[in-house]
Protein backbone atom coordinates (compact mmCIF):
# COMPACT_ATOMS: atom_id res chain seq x y z
CA MET A 1 7.95 -24.50 3.79
CA ASN A 2 7.89 -22.13 0.84
CA TRP A 3 8.08 -18.67 2.46
CA ASP A 4 8.06 -16.94 -0.89
CA LEU A 5 4.56 -18.21 -1.60
CA ILE A 6 3.24 -17.47 1.89
CA VAL A 7 4.55 -13.90 1.90
CA ALA A 8 3.23 -13.36 -1.64
CA ILE A 9 -0.26 -14.45 -0.51
CA ALA A 10 -0.05 -12.13 2.50
CA ASN A 11 0.89 -9.23 0.24
CA ILE A 12 -1.98 -10.01 -2.11
CA LEU A 13 -4.39 -9.88 0.83
CA LEU A 14 -2.93 -6.54 1.96
CA THR A 15 -3.22 -5.14 -1.54
CA VAL A 16 -6.77 -6.38 -2.07
CA GLY A 17 -7.76 -4.63 1.14
CA ILE A 18 -6.65 -1.27 -0.28
CA ILE A 19 -8.54 -1.50 -3.59
CA PRO A 20 -12.05 -0.83 -2.18
CA GLN A 21 -10.72 2.26 -0.39
CA LEU A 22 -9.21 3.59 -3.61
CA ILE A 23 -12.51 3.10 -5.44
CA LYS A 24 -14.52 4.72 -2.62
CA ASN A 25 -12.18 7.72 -2.55
CA TYR A 26 -12.51 8.12 -6.31
CA LYS A 27 -16.32 7.89 -6.30
CA THR A 28 -16.99 10.14 -3.32
CA LYS A 29 -14.02 12.53 -3.78
CA ASN A 30 -13.83 12.55 0.03
CA VAL A 31 -10.64 11.72 1.91
CA GLU A 32 -11.24 13.58 5.17
CA SER A 33 -10.81 10.42 7.25
CA HIS A 34 -7.29 9.74 5.93
CA CYS A 35 -4.06 10.71 7.64
CA ILE A 36 -0.97 11.17 5.48
CA PHE A 37 1.31 10.17 8.37
CA TRP A 38 -0.33 6.74 8.58
CA HIS A 39 0.26 6.08 4.88
CA LEU A 40 3.83 7.39 4.98
CA SER A 41 4.71 5.29 8.03
CA THR A 42 3.19 2.24 6.34
CA ILE A 43 5.23 2.92 3.20
CA SER A 44 8.37 3.23 5.34
CA GLY A 45 7.70 -0.13 7.00
CA LEU A 46 6.89 -1.78 3.68
CA SER A 47 10.12 -0.40 2.22
CA LEU A 48 12.11 -2.02 5.02
CA LEU A 49 10.28 -5.30 4.42
CA PHE A 50 11.04 -4.95 0.72
CA LEU A 51 14.76 -4.65 1.44
CA PHE A 52 14.64 -7.62 3.82
CA TYR A 53 12.75 -9.89 1.42
CA TYR A 54 14.93 -8.79 -1.48
CA SER A 55 18.04 -9.78 0.47
CA LEU A 56 16.49 -13.24 0.99
CA TYR A 57 15.68 -13.51 -2.75
CA LEU A 58 11.92 -13.66 -2.12
CA TYR A 59 11.05 -11.96 -5.39
CA PHE A 60 7.30 -12.67 -5.36
CA ALA A 61 7.11 -11.00 -1.97
CA THR A 62 8.96 -7.93 -3.21
CA PHE A 63 6.62 -7.64 -6.19
CA GLY A 64 3.57 -7.66 -3.90
CA ILE A 65 5.11 -5.04 -1.65
CA CYS A 66 5.80 -2.81 -4.66
CA ILE A 67 2.15 -3.02 -5.69
CA THR A 68 1.00 -2.20 -2.14
CA ILE A 69 3.36 0.79 -1.97
CA CYS A 70 2.01 2.04 -5.32
CA PHE A 71 -1.56 1.85 -4.03
CA ARG A 72 -0.56 3.74 -0.87
CA LEU A 73 1.02 6.44 -3.04
CA ILE A 74 -2.23 6.69 -5.02
CA ILE A 75 -4.14 7.24 -1.77
CA ILE A 76 -1.69 9.99 -0.78
CA TYR A 77 -2.23 11.56 -4.20
CA GLN A 78 -6.00 11.37 -3.66
CA ILE A 79 -5.61 13.07 -0.27
CA PHE A 80 -3.91 16.04 -1.89
CA LYS A 81 -6.22 16.09 -4.91
CA TYR A 82 -9.54 15.84 -3.03
CA ARG A 83 -8.57 17.89 0.00
CA VAL A 84 -11.29 20.37 0.97
CA LYS A 85 -9.98 23.89 1.15
CA LYS A 86 -11.49 25.88 3.99
């Protein structure tokens, strides 16, 4: 079984799931429902997966994880940029 391909497909599905949220945040300029801790903990877990897959030479998987981490960082940026000051 080619684990590199399976993990790459899983990462693509994870990344595709983030794209609509990025677009919605950009259009509405509203990120009140987001929690920074959730995104940071997800990035931490993805970083550990990145190190694990990299040690197994699953390079397609590591590329997908990098893209997902970048999208998470964009969401964190949007949280700070669109935060409502009270």
